[in-house]
Amino acid sequence: MRQFPTPILLLLFSLWVTGPIDDASMQSAWADEAAVDPVTRYIPDDAMAAIIVTPSEWLNSPMLEMFPLEIMRVQMTEQFGIDPFDIGEIRTIVSLDPTTMQPAFGSITKLTGEIDFGKVRAAIDAREDMVQVDGHETYPMNGPPGTVIAMIDDETLYAGTANLLPRMLDAENGSGKLPSLLRTMNSDSGVKIAILTEQVRPMIGPVAMQNAHHLAPDLQALAEIPGLIDAIKVEVGLLDSTGRLRVALIGTDEVAAQRIQSILIDSMSAARSLGIAEMNRSLAGSGESPAMREATNAYANRIADMVMESLQPQLDGDEVAIETQSQASFATTGVLVGLLLPAVQAARTAARRMSMSNNMKQVGLALHNYHSAFRQLPPSAITDEDGKPLLSWRVAILSFIEEQALYQQFRLDEPWDSEHNLPLSKQLPAVYSAPNTQTPPGTTVMQAVV
């Protein structure tokens, strides 16, 4: 595999893990000394975010029984030389330099079987120019500057920026904010994500507020949340036949947490109303019978009520958490999705058809307005003095589809592919696009009878 993206490499193993690891071997794999804290191993005190994937919590769950585990095992083994049944745990962390605000990232993967490091390096197209980092042989790989891959020992693989490798290996019993945050999380979670937002809050808070106008009016309060939180915790687990998801936002104080809870409750209610209203608008133009529209509306309301009830944010001091559990297996979920896919596809097709219809209506209105202004319809082409076509009628009506600024940039005495006009010709107005058809950049299906 060539040009494999580094961020995908760091998470690939967690997405493809498919085999059992017993608890005893997992404990010995992480630490040779009892003094090492298995919760915070490899988590530096100054780290900003951590993702810990423990697939051994997932693999025997009935919720995965319909997944193509055998196929994924073969694919992973053939591509990377790693049997996913041997993967025990993956720890990925992100650290931010407080001076330069440049991120560093690293991922350590623990296995119970040996790694074919040569095959891994070939799969990700790592270079041959080996560099020693903290006594380990590292090999540069595609990604941000300084990204390397290394074998720590026969069962441990590192991928990430070189400067983070020694710091991750030295981290054993962290006392910083991120290690402390991880200790408050459920040890049974198959996936744990912890993020500290204090360092970036001064940046992301104002940016979120500046872009609040892009949200629906009833949802704009959501832009306040980035400025109110110190940390985020996400826990995902598959225990027996139960799936569990918990997302917690930790406020800067208890007052901030109360505000976060209020915003989430109001926004969920607003999102429910907006979603139902949008669905009903789509149904109104779908051609479905009144009885079918009524039944669909009743189903949507019932499901929305169930979702709202299960996702109510709970307040505990400075922490606001949304937690949900499901007894339905992934297999059942897959069946439900399969049943709903035709309806979803039909809705998408109807929406695209309506979008294209609206585009054509706008073009038709533009032609009428052109006629009102010039007492004639636009010619099929803007020509030079000799009658040679230069630009199409689509340029002539730009002013009538709210594209006056683009129209004024065109040189009407030059052809469409002149040095000046060619870049402008590739700026296709949205009204000329066709949602149901993929066309090369700068081209359109909007034609005219000549």
Protein backbone atom coordinates (compact mmCIF):
# COMPACT_ATOMS: atom_id res chain seq x y z
CA MET A 1 0.00 0.00 0.00
CA ARG A 2 1.50 3.30 -1.05
CA GLN A 3 1.16 6.79 0.39
CA PHE A 4 -0.72 5.55 3.45
CA PRO A 5 -1.91 8.57 5.50
CA THR A 6 -0.27 8.77 8.92
CA PRO A 7 -3.37 9.71 10.97
CA ILE A 8 -5.20 6.71 9.55
CA LEU A 9 -2.25 4.47 10.45
CA LEU A 10 -2.41 5.61 14.06
CA LEU A 11 -6.06 4.55 14.39
CA LEU A 12 -6.15 1.70 11.86
CA PHE A 13 -5.43 -1.05 14.33
CA SER A 14 -8.19 0.11 16.67
CA LEU A 15 -10.71 0.03 13.82
CA TRP A 16 -9.71 -3.44 12.63
CA VAL A 17 -9.09 -5.28 15.91
CA THR A 18 -10.92 -8.61 16.02
CA GLY A 19 -9.67 -11.20 18.53
CA PRO A 20 -9.61 -12.20 22.22
CA ILE A 21 -6.85 -11.31 24.68
CA ASP A 22 -7.06 -12.65 28.23
CA ASP A 23 -6.75 -10.18 31.13
CA ALA A 24 -3.65 -11.79 32.64
CA SER A 25 -1.59 -11.53 29.45
CA MET A 26 -2.80 -7.96 28.98
CA GLN A 27 -1.58 -6.91 32.42
CA SER A 28 1.86 -8.45 31.84
CA ALA A 29 2.10 -6.94 28.39
CA TRP A 30 1.78 -3.40 29.70
CA ALA A 31 4.19 -3.47 32.61
CA ASP A 32 6.94 -5.62 34.01
CA GLU A 33 6.82 -3.85 37.37
CA ALA A 34 3.83 -3.69 39.66
CA ALA A 35 4.68 -0.05 40.44
CA VAL A 36 3.73 1.05 36.91
CA ASP A 37 0.18 2.41 36.72
CA PRO A 38 -1.51 0.50 33.85
CA VAL A 39 -4.11 3.26 33.49
CA THR A 40 -1.64 6.04 32.72
CA ARG A 41 1.25 4.07 31.17
CA TYR A 42 2.64 5.95 28.14
CA ILE A 43 0.55 9.07 28.96
CA PRO A 44 2.88 12.09 29.55
CA ASP A 45 1.79 14.65 32.13
CA ASP A 46 1.65 17.43 29.53
CA ALA A 47 -0.43 15.48 26.99
CA MET A 48 -3.60 17.18 25.78
CA ALA A 49 -5.60 14.22 24.47
CA ALA A 50 -5.55 10.43 24.67
CA ILE A 51 -7.38 7.62 22.90
CA ILE A 52 -7.14 4.20 24.53
CA VAL A 53 -8.59 1.23 22.68
CA THR A 54 -8.87 -2.10 24.53
CA PRO A 55 -10.38 -4.53 22.05
CA SER A 56 -10.28 -7.43 24.50
CA GLU A 57 -13.40 -5.85 26.07
CA TRP A 58 -15.25 -6.14 22.77
CA LEU A 59 -14.28 -9.29 21.00
CA ASN A 60 -16.52 -11.89 22.62
CA SER A 61 -19.57 -9.65 22.69
CA PRO A 62 -22.67 -11.04 20.93
CA MET A 63 -23.06 -7.56 19.45
CA LEU A 64 -20.20 -8.35 17.05
CA GLU A 65 -21.32 -11.79 15.99
CA MET A 66 -22.54 -10.61 12.58
CA PHE A 67 -19.35 -8.71 11.74
CA PRO A 68 -17.03 -10.21 9.07
CA LEU A 69 -14.21 -10.82 11.56
CA GLU A 70 -12.61 -13.59 9.49
CA ILE A 71 -12.35 -11.37 6.43
CA MET A 72 -10.88 -8.44 8.34
CA ARG A 73 -8.33 -10.76 9.95
CA VAL A 74 -7.07 -11.95 6.58
CA GLN A 75 -6.98 -8.43 5.14
CA MET A 76 -5.01 -7.06 8.09
CA THR A 77 -2.57 -9.94 8.05
CA GLU A 78 -1.98 -9.75 4.30
CA GLN A 79 -1.52 -5.96 4.23
CA PHE A 80 0.42 -5.32 7.44
CA GLY A 81 1.81 -8.66 8.56
CA ILE A 82 -0.07 -8.31 11.86
CA ASP A 83 -2.70 -10.74 13.01
CA PRO A 84 -5.42 -8.53 14.54
CA PHE A 85 -6.19 -11.35 16.96
CA ASP A 86 -2.80 -10.54 18.54
CA ILE A 87 -3.54 -6.85 19.17
CA GLY A 88 -4.10 -6.12 22.84
CA GLU A 89 -4.27 -2.38 23.30
CA ILE A 90 -3.55 0.84 21.41
CA ARG A 91 -2.74 4.15 23.09
CA THR A 92 -2.67 7.31 21.01
CA ILE A 93 -1.88 10.69 22.51
CA VAL A 94 -1.68 14.28 21.28
CA SER A 95 0.49 16.90 22.91
CA LEU A 96 0.63 20.63 22.21
CA ASP A 97 3.82 22.69 22.50
CA PRO A 98 2.83 25.61 24.78
CA THR A 99 5.26 27.96 23.01
CA THR A 100 4.72 27.18 19.33
CA MET A 101 1.24 25.57 19.71
CA GLN A 102 2.43 22.88 17.30
CA PRO A 103 0.90 19.41 17.89
CA ALA A 104 2.85 16.20 18.39
CA PHE A 105 1.19 12.81 18.26
CA GLY A 106 2.14 9.23 18.96
CA SER A 107 0.55 5.79 19.06
CA ILE A 108 1.82 2.70 20.86
CA THR A 109 0.31 -0.66 19.93
CA LYS A 110 0.77 -3.69 22.19
CA LEU A 111 0.49 -7.21 20.79
CA THR A 112 0.78 -10.70 22.24
CA GLY A 113 2.44 -12.03 19.09
CA GLU A 114 5.54 -11.01 17.16
CA ILE A 115 5.39 -8.23 14.57
CA ASP A 116 6.66 -8.57 11.01
CA PHE A 117 8.19 -5.09 11.10
CA GLY A 118 9.58 -5.31 7.58
CA LYS A 119 6.12 -5.96 6.17
CA VAL A 120 4.63 -3.13 8.22
CA ARG A 121 7.27 -0.69 6.94
CA ALA A 122 6.68 -1.81 3.35
CA ALA A 123 2.91 -1.46 3.72
CA ILE A 124 3.15 2.18 4.83
CA ASP A 125 6.02 2.98 2.45
CA ALA A 126 8.43 3.96 5.24
CA ARG A 127 11.83 5.15 4.06
CA GLU A 128 15.02 3.16 4.53
CA ASP A 129 17.09 5.95 6.14
CA MET A 130 17.07 4.79 9.76
CA VAL A 131 17.41 7.36 12.57
CA GLN A 132 18.23 6.54 16.19
CA VAL A 133 15.75 8.07 18.67
CA ASP A 134 16.20 7.31 22.36
CA GLY A 135 18.12 4.16 21.50
CA HIS A 136 15.47 2.87 19.11
CA GLU A 137 15.69 2.46 15.35
CA THR A 138 13.06 4.67 13.73
CA TYR A 139 12.13 5.02 10.07
CA PRO A 140 10.61 8.20 8.55
CA MET A 141 7.15 7.78 7.07
CA ASN A 142 4.61 9.84 5.17
CA GLY A 143 2.91 12.45 7.31
CA PRO A 144 3.79 15.66 9.15
CA PRO A 145 7.52 16.46 9.47
CA GLY A 146 9.25 14.18 11.94
CA THR A 147 6.75 11.31 11.68
CA VAL A 148 8.41 7.92 12.22
CA ILE A 149 7.62 4.27 12.88
CA ALA A 150 9.64 2.11 15.27
CA MET A 151 9.76 -1.26 17.00
CA ILE A 152 10.09 -0.78 20.77
CA ASP A 153 10.38 -4.51 21.40
CA ASP A 154 9.14 -7.72 19.77
CA GLU A 155 5.54 -6.96 20.75
CA THR A 156 5.38 -3.15 20.79
CA LEU A 157 5.01 -0.80 17.82
CA TYR A 158 5.29 3.01 17.82
CA ALA A 159 4.05 5.40 15.13
CA GLY A 160 4.06 9.17 15.47
CA THR A 161 6.33 12.18 15.75
CA ALA A 162 9.87 11.32 16.82
CA ASN A 163 10.05 13.91 19.62
CA LEU A 164 7.16 12.27 21.47
CA LEU A 165 8.63 8.75 21.52
CA PRO A 166 10.96 9.16 24.55
CA ARG A 167 8.32 11.04 26.54
CA MET A 168 5.72 8.31 26.00
CA LEU A 169 8.17 5.55 26.95
CA ASP A 170 9.18 7.39 30.16
CA ALA A 171 5.58 8.01 31.28
CA GLU A 172 4.59 5.49 33.98
CA ASN A 173 2.72 7.04 36.89
CA GLY A 174 1.47 10.35 35.58
CA SER A 175 0.19 13.03 37.92
CA GLY A 176 -0.73 15.62 35.29
CA LYS A 177 -4.25 16.69 34.37
CA LEU A 178 -4.74 14.18 31.55
CA PRO A 179 -3.53 11.11 33.51
CA SER A 180 -5.71 12.22 36.43
CA LEU A 181 -8.69 12.59 34.09
CA LEU A 182 -8.17 9.07 32.72
CA ARG A 183 -8.26 7.65 36.25
CA THR A 184 -11.83 8.94 36.65
CA MET A 185 -13.06 6.96 33.65
CA ASN A 186 -14.62 3.50 33.54
CA SER A 187 -11.92 0.82 33.36
CA ASP A 188 -14.28 -1.52 31.48
CA SER A 189 -14.67 0.76 28.45
CA GLY A 190 -13.50 -0.68 25.16
CA VAL A 191 -12.64 2.84 23.97
CA LYS A 192 -11.67 5.78 26.17
CA ILE A 193 -11.14 9.29 24.80
CA ALA A 194 -10.01 12.12 27.08
CA ILE A 195 -9.37 15.65 25.82
CA LEU A 196 -8.20 18.72 27.75
CA THR A 197 -9.47 21.92 26.16
CA GLU A 198 -7.86 24.48 28.49
CA GLN A 199 -4.92 25.18 26.18
CA VAL A 200 -7.06 25.70 23.08
CA ARG A 201 -10.16 27.22 24.69
CA PRO A 202 -8.95 30.83 24.16
CA MET A 203 -8.74 30.05 20.43
CA ILE A 204 -11.71 27.81 19.74
CA GLY A 205 -14.16 29.69 21.98
CA PRO A 206 -14.12 32.98 20.02
CA VAL A 207 -13.99 31.13 16.68
CA ALA A 208 -17.10 29.14 17.61
CA MET A 209 -18.97 32.31 18.59
CA GLN A 210 -17.95 34.07 15.36
CA ASN A 211 -19.37 31.19 13.33
CA ALA A 212 -22.57 30.79 15.34
CA HIS A 213 -24.55 32.48 12.58
CA HIS A 214 -24.02 29.42 10.38
CA LEU A 215 -26.30 27.47 12.72
CA ALA A 216 -30.09 27.64 12.77
CA PRO A 217 -31.22 30.44 15.13
CA ASP A 218 -32.52 27.96 17.72
CA LEU A 219 -29.16 26.14 17.75
CA GLN A 220 -26.78 29.11 17.91
CA ALA A 221 -26.37 28.78 21.68
CA LEU A 222 -24.30 25.63 21.00
CA ALA A 223 -21.45 27.93 20.00
CA GLU A 224 -21.08 28.93 23.65
CA ILE A 225 -20.09 25.43 24.78
CA PRO A 226 -16.42 25.42 23.59
CA GLY A 227 -15.81 28.45 25.80
CA LEU A 228 -17.40 26.78 28.84
CA ILE A 229 -15.53 23.46 29.05
CA ASP A 230 -12.19 22.34 30.47
CA ALA A 231 -12.29 18.74 29.29
CA ILE A 232 -14.21 16.08 27.35
CA LYS A 233 -14.54 12.40 28.22
CA VAL A 234 -15.93 9.73 25.88
CA GLU A 235 -16.36 6.09 26.88
CA VAL A 236 -17.62 3.28 24.63
CA GLY A 237 -18.11 -0.28 25.80
CA LEU A 238 -19.60 -3.55 24.63
CA LEU A 239 -20.46 -5.72 27.59
CA ASP A 240 -22.27 -8.97 26.83
CA SER A 241 -25.23 -7.92 24.67
CA THR A 242 -25.25 -4.31 25.86
CA GLY A 243 -23.65 -1.37 24.13
CA ARG A 244 -22.77 1.65 26.27
CA LEU A 245 -21.83 5.19 25.26
CA ARG A 246 -21.04 8.00 27.69
CA VAL A 247 -20.00 11.52 26.70
CA ALA A 248 -19.14 13.97 29.49
CA LEU A 249 -18.33 17.68 29.25
CA ILE A 250 -16.48 19.10 32.24
CA GLY A 251 -17.27 22.77 32.75
CA THR A 252 -14.87 25.43 33.92
CA ASP A 253 -16.98 25.50 37.10
CA GLU A 254 -20.40 24.39 38.33
CA VAL A 255 -22.13 27.49 36.94
CA ALA A 256 -20.66 26.77 33.50
CA ALA A 257 -21.82 23.15 33.75
CA GLN A 258 -25.37 24.29 34.52
CA ARG A 259 -25.29 26.52 31.44
CA ILE A 260 -23.99 23.64 29.30
CA GLN A 261 -26.83 21.39 30.48
CA SER A 262 -29.41 24.08 29.71
CA ILE A 263 -27.98 24.67 26.21
CA LEU A 264 -27.94 20.93 25.42
CA ILE A 265 -31.54 20.39 26.56
CA ASP A 266 -32.84 23.39 24.57
CA SER A 267 -30.78 22.51 21.49
CA MET A 268 -31.90 18.87 21.45
CA SER A 269 -35.51 19.98 21.60
CA ALA A 270 -34.95 22.51 18.81
CA ALA A 271 -33.11 19.94 16.68
CA ARG A 272 -36.01 17.51 17.12
CA SER A 273 -38.51 20.11 15.91
CA LEU A 274 -36.31 21.17 12.98
CA GLY A 275 -35.75 17.57 11.90
CA ILE A 276 -39.44 16.66 12.00
CA ALA A 277 -40.38 19.85 10.13
CA GLU A 278 -37.78 19.22 7.42
CA MET A 279 -38.93 15.63 7.01
CA ASN A 280 -42.55 16.75 6.63
CA ARG A 281 -41.53 19.32 4.01
CA SER A 282 -39.77 16.57 2.04
CA LEU A 283 -42.77 14.27 2.37
CA ALA A 284 -45.11 16.99 1.11
CA GLY A 285 -43.36 16.96 -2.26
CA SER A 286 -42.67 13.22 -2.42
CA GLY A 287 -45.97 12.13 -3.97
CA GLU A 288 -46.69 9.75 -1.07
CA SER A 289 -50.31 9.24 -0.05
CA PRO A 290 -51.68 11.22 2.93
CA ALA A 291 -51.90 7.98 4.92
CA MET A 292 -48.24 7.17 4.24
CA ARG A 293 -47.14 10.70 5.17
CA GLU A 294 -49.12 10.49 8.40
CA ALA A 295 -47.63 7.09 9.26
CA THR A 296 -44.09 8.28 8.52
CA ASN A 297 -44.61 11.36 10.65
CA ALA A 298 -45.93 9.25 13.54
CA TYR A 299 -42.93 6.90 13.31
CA ALA A 300 -40.46 9.79 13.21
CA ASN A 301 -42.06 11.39 16.26
CA ARG A 302 -42.00 8.11 18.18
CA ILE A 303 -38.31 7.51 17.44
CA ALA A 304 -37.46 11.15 18.21
CA ASP A 305 -39.17 10.86 21.59
CA MET A 306 -37.21 7.69 22.38
CA VAL A 307 -33.93 9.34 21.43
CA MET A 308 -34.71 12.48 23.43
CA GLU A 309 -35.55 10.41 26.50
CA SER A 310 -32.37 8.33 26.29
CA LEU A 311 -30.03 11.28 25.68
CA GLN A 312 -31.07 13.69 28.43
CA PRO A 313 -27.91 15.38 29.82
CA GLN A 314 -27.31 14.73 33.53
CA LEU A 315 -25.58 17.26 35.80
CA ASP A 316 -23.15 16.22 38.56
CA GLY A 317 -21.17 19.13 39.96
CA ASP A 318 -19.06 20.53 37.13
CA GLU A 319 -19.74 17.54 34.81
CA VAL A 320 -22.55 17.22 32.28
CA ALA A 321 -22.94 13.71 30.90
CA ILE A 322 -25.05 12.02 28.26
CA GLU A 323 -25.15 8.28 28.67
CA THR A 324 -27.05 5.66 26.72
CA GLN A 325 -27.18 1.89 26.69
CA SER A 326 -28.69 -0.38 24.08
CA GLN A 327 -29.75 -3.99 24.40
CA ALA A 328 -30.07 -4.31 20.61
CA SER A 329 -27.26 -6.17 18.94
CA PHE A 330 -25.29 -4.75 16.06
CA ALA A 331 -26.87 -7.45 13.94
CA THR A 332 -30.35 -6.18 14.79
CA THR A 333 -29.19 -2.64 14.11
CA GLY A 334 -27.87 -3.75 10.75
CA VAL A 335 -31.21 -5.29 9.84
CA LEU A 336 -33.02 -2.09 10.82
CA VAL A 337 -30.61 0.00 8.77
CA GLY A 338 -31.14 -2.34 5.83
CA LEU A 339 -34.89 -1.90 6.08
CA LEU A 340 -34.57 1.87 6.28
CA LEU A 341 -32.04 2.28 3.47
CA PRO A 342 -34.62 2.26 0.65
CA ALA A 343 -36.59 4.98 2.44
CA VAL A 344 -33.45 7.00 3.08
CA GLN A 345 -32.35 6.64 -0.54
CA ALA A 346 -35.80 7.65 -1.75
CA ALA A 347 -35.68 10.72 0.46
CA ARG A 348 -32.25 11.66 -0.85
CA THR A 349 -33.35 11.21 -4.44
CA ALA A 350 -36.43 13.36 -3.83
CA ALA A 351 -34.30 16.03 -2.18
CA ARG A 352 -31.84 16.05 -5.08
CA ARG A 353 -34.67 16.17 -7.61
CA MET A 354 -36.21 19.10 -5.75
CA SER A 355 -32.83 20.86 -5.61
CA MET A 356 -32.33 20.45 -9.36
CA SER A 357 -35.88 21.63 -9.99
CA ASN A 358 -35.25 24.74 -7.92
CA ASN A 359 -32.03 25.43 -9.84
CA MET A 360 -33.88 25.22 -13.16
CA LYS A 361 -36.61 27.51 -11.83
CA GLN A 362 -33.97 30.08 -10.90
CA VAL A 363 -32.45 29.89 -14.38
CA GLY A 364 -35.88 30.26 -15.96
CA LEU A 365 -36.62 33.29 -13.78
CA ALA A 366 -33.25 34.77 -14.72
CA LEU A 367 -34.12 34.42 -18.41
CA HIS A 368 -37.42 36.24 -17.84
CA ASN A 369 -35.67 39.02 -15.92
CA TYR A 370 -33.07 39.33 -18.68
CA HIS A 371 -35.90 39.68 -21.17
CA SER A 372 -37.53 42.36 -19.03
CA ALA A 373 -34.26 44.31 -18.90
CA PHE A 374 -33.19 43.99 -22.56
CA ARG A 375 -36.48 43.21 -24.38
CA GLN A 376 -35.01 39.97 -25.69
CA LEU A 377 -33.80 36.61 -24.45
CA PRO A 378 -30.04 36.21 -24.06
CA PRO A 379 -28.21 34.98 -27.19
CA SER A 380 -26.83 31.47 -27.15
CA ALA A 381 -23.34 33.03 -26.94
CA ILE A 382 -21.61 36.34 -26.40
CA THR A 383 -19.69 36.89 -29.66
CA ASP A 384 -16.97 39.16 -31.02
CA GLU A 385 -17.51 41.62 -33.90
CA ASP A 386 -17.13 38.80 -36.41
CA GLY A 387 -19.75 36.63 -34.73
CA LYS A 388 -17.26 34.20 -33.19
CA PRO A 389 -18.64 32.74 -29.91
CA LEU A 390 -16.65 33.84 -26.85
CA LEU A 391 -18.77 33.19 -23.77
CA SER A 392 -22.02 31.26 -23.26
CA TRP A 393 -25.46 32.50 -22.33
CA ARG A 394 -24.77 31.30 -18.81
CA VAL A 395 -22.32 34.19 -18.38
CA ALA A 396 -24.84 36.65 -19.80
CA ILE A 397 -27.39 35.92 -17.07
CA LEU A 398 -24.98 35.88 -14.11
CA SER A 399 -26.28 39.24 -12.91
CA PHE A 400 -29.77 37.76 -12.70
CA ILE A 401 -28.80 34.78 -10.51
CA GLU A 402 -27.13 36.92 -7.82
CA GLU A 403 -23.66 36.57 -9.37
CA GLN A 404 -23.07 40.22 -10.32
CA ALA A 405 -19.58 40.22 -8.78
CA LEU A 406 -18.54 37.23 -10.90
CA TYR A 407 -20.09 38.74 -14.04
CA GLN A 408 -18.10 41.96 -13.61
CA GLN A 409 -14.83 40.02 -13.51
CA PHE A 410 -15.33 38.50 -16.98
CA ARG A 411 -13.80 40.22 -20.01
CA LEU A 412 -16.63 39.95 -22.50
CA ASP A 413 -14.33 40.61 -25.47
CA GLU A 414 -12.17 37.56 -24.71
CA PRO A 415 -12.98 33.84 -25.18
CA TRP A 416 -13.93 31.67 -22.22
CA ASP A 417 -10.52 29.96 -22.21
CA SER A 418 -8.41 33.12 -22.33
CA GLU A 419 -5.74 33.55 -19.66
CA HIS A 420 -8.02 35.91 -17.75
CA ASN A 421 -11.40 34.20 -18.24
CA LEU A 422 -10.41 30.54 -17.80
CA PRO A 423 -10.05 30.66 -13.98
CA LEU A 424 -13.40 32.48 -13.79
CA SER A 425 -15.05 29.87 -16.00
CA LYS A 426 -14.22 27.24 -13.38
CA GLN A 427 -16.11 29.13 -10.66
CA LEU A 428 -19.38 27.34 -11.28
CA PRO A 429 -22.36 29.02 -9.57
CA ALA A 430 -24.36 26.65 -7.41
CA VAL A 431 -27.47 27.22 -9.53
CA TYR A 432 -25.73 25.53 -12.47
CA SER A 433 -24.91 22.38 -10.48
CA ALA A 434 -26.78 19.08 -10.72
CA PRO A 435 -27.00 17.16 -7.40
CA ASN A 436 -27.81 13.88 -9.22
CA THR A 437 -24.89 14.12 -11.64
CA GLN A 438 -21.15 14.32 -11.03
CA THR A 439 -19.48 16.56 -13.58
CA PRO A 440 -15.83 17.62 -13.97
CA PRO A 441 -14.92 20.91 -12.22
CA GLY A 442 -16.14 23.93 -14.14
CA THR A 443 -18.67 22.00 -16.25
CA THR A 444 -22.46 21.84 -16.02
CA VAL A 445 -25.45 19.97 -17.39
CA MET A 446 -27.34 23.25 -17.86
CA GLN A 447 -27.78 23.51 -21.64
CA ALA A 448 -29.97 25.56 -23.96
CA VAL A 449 -31.73 24.78 -27.21
CA VAL A 450 -30.14 26.77 -30.03
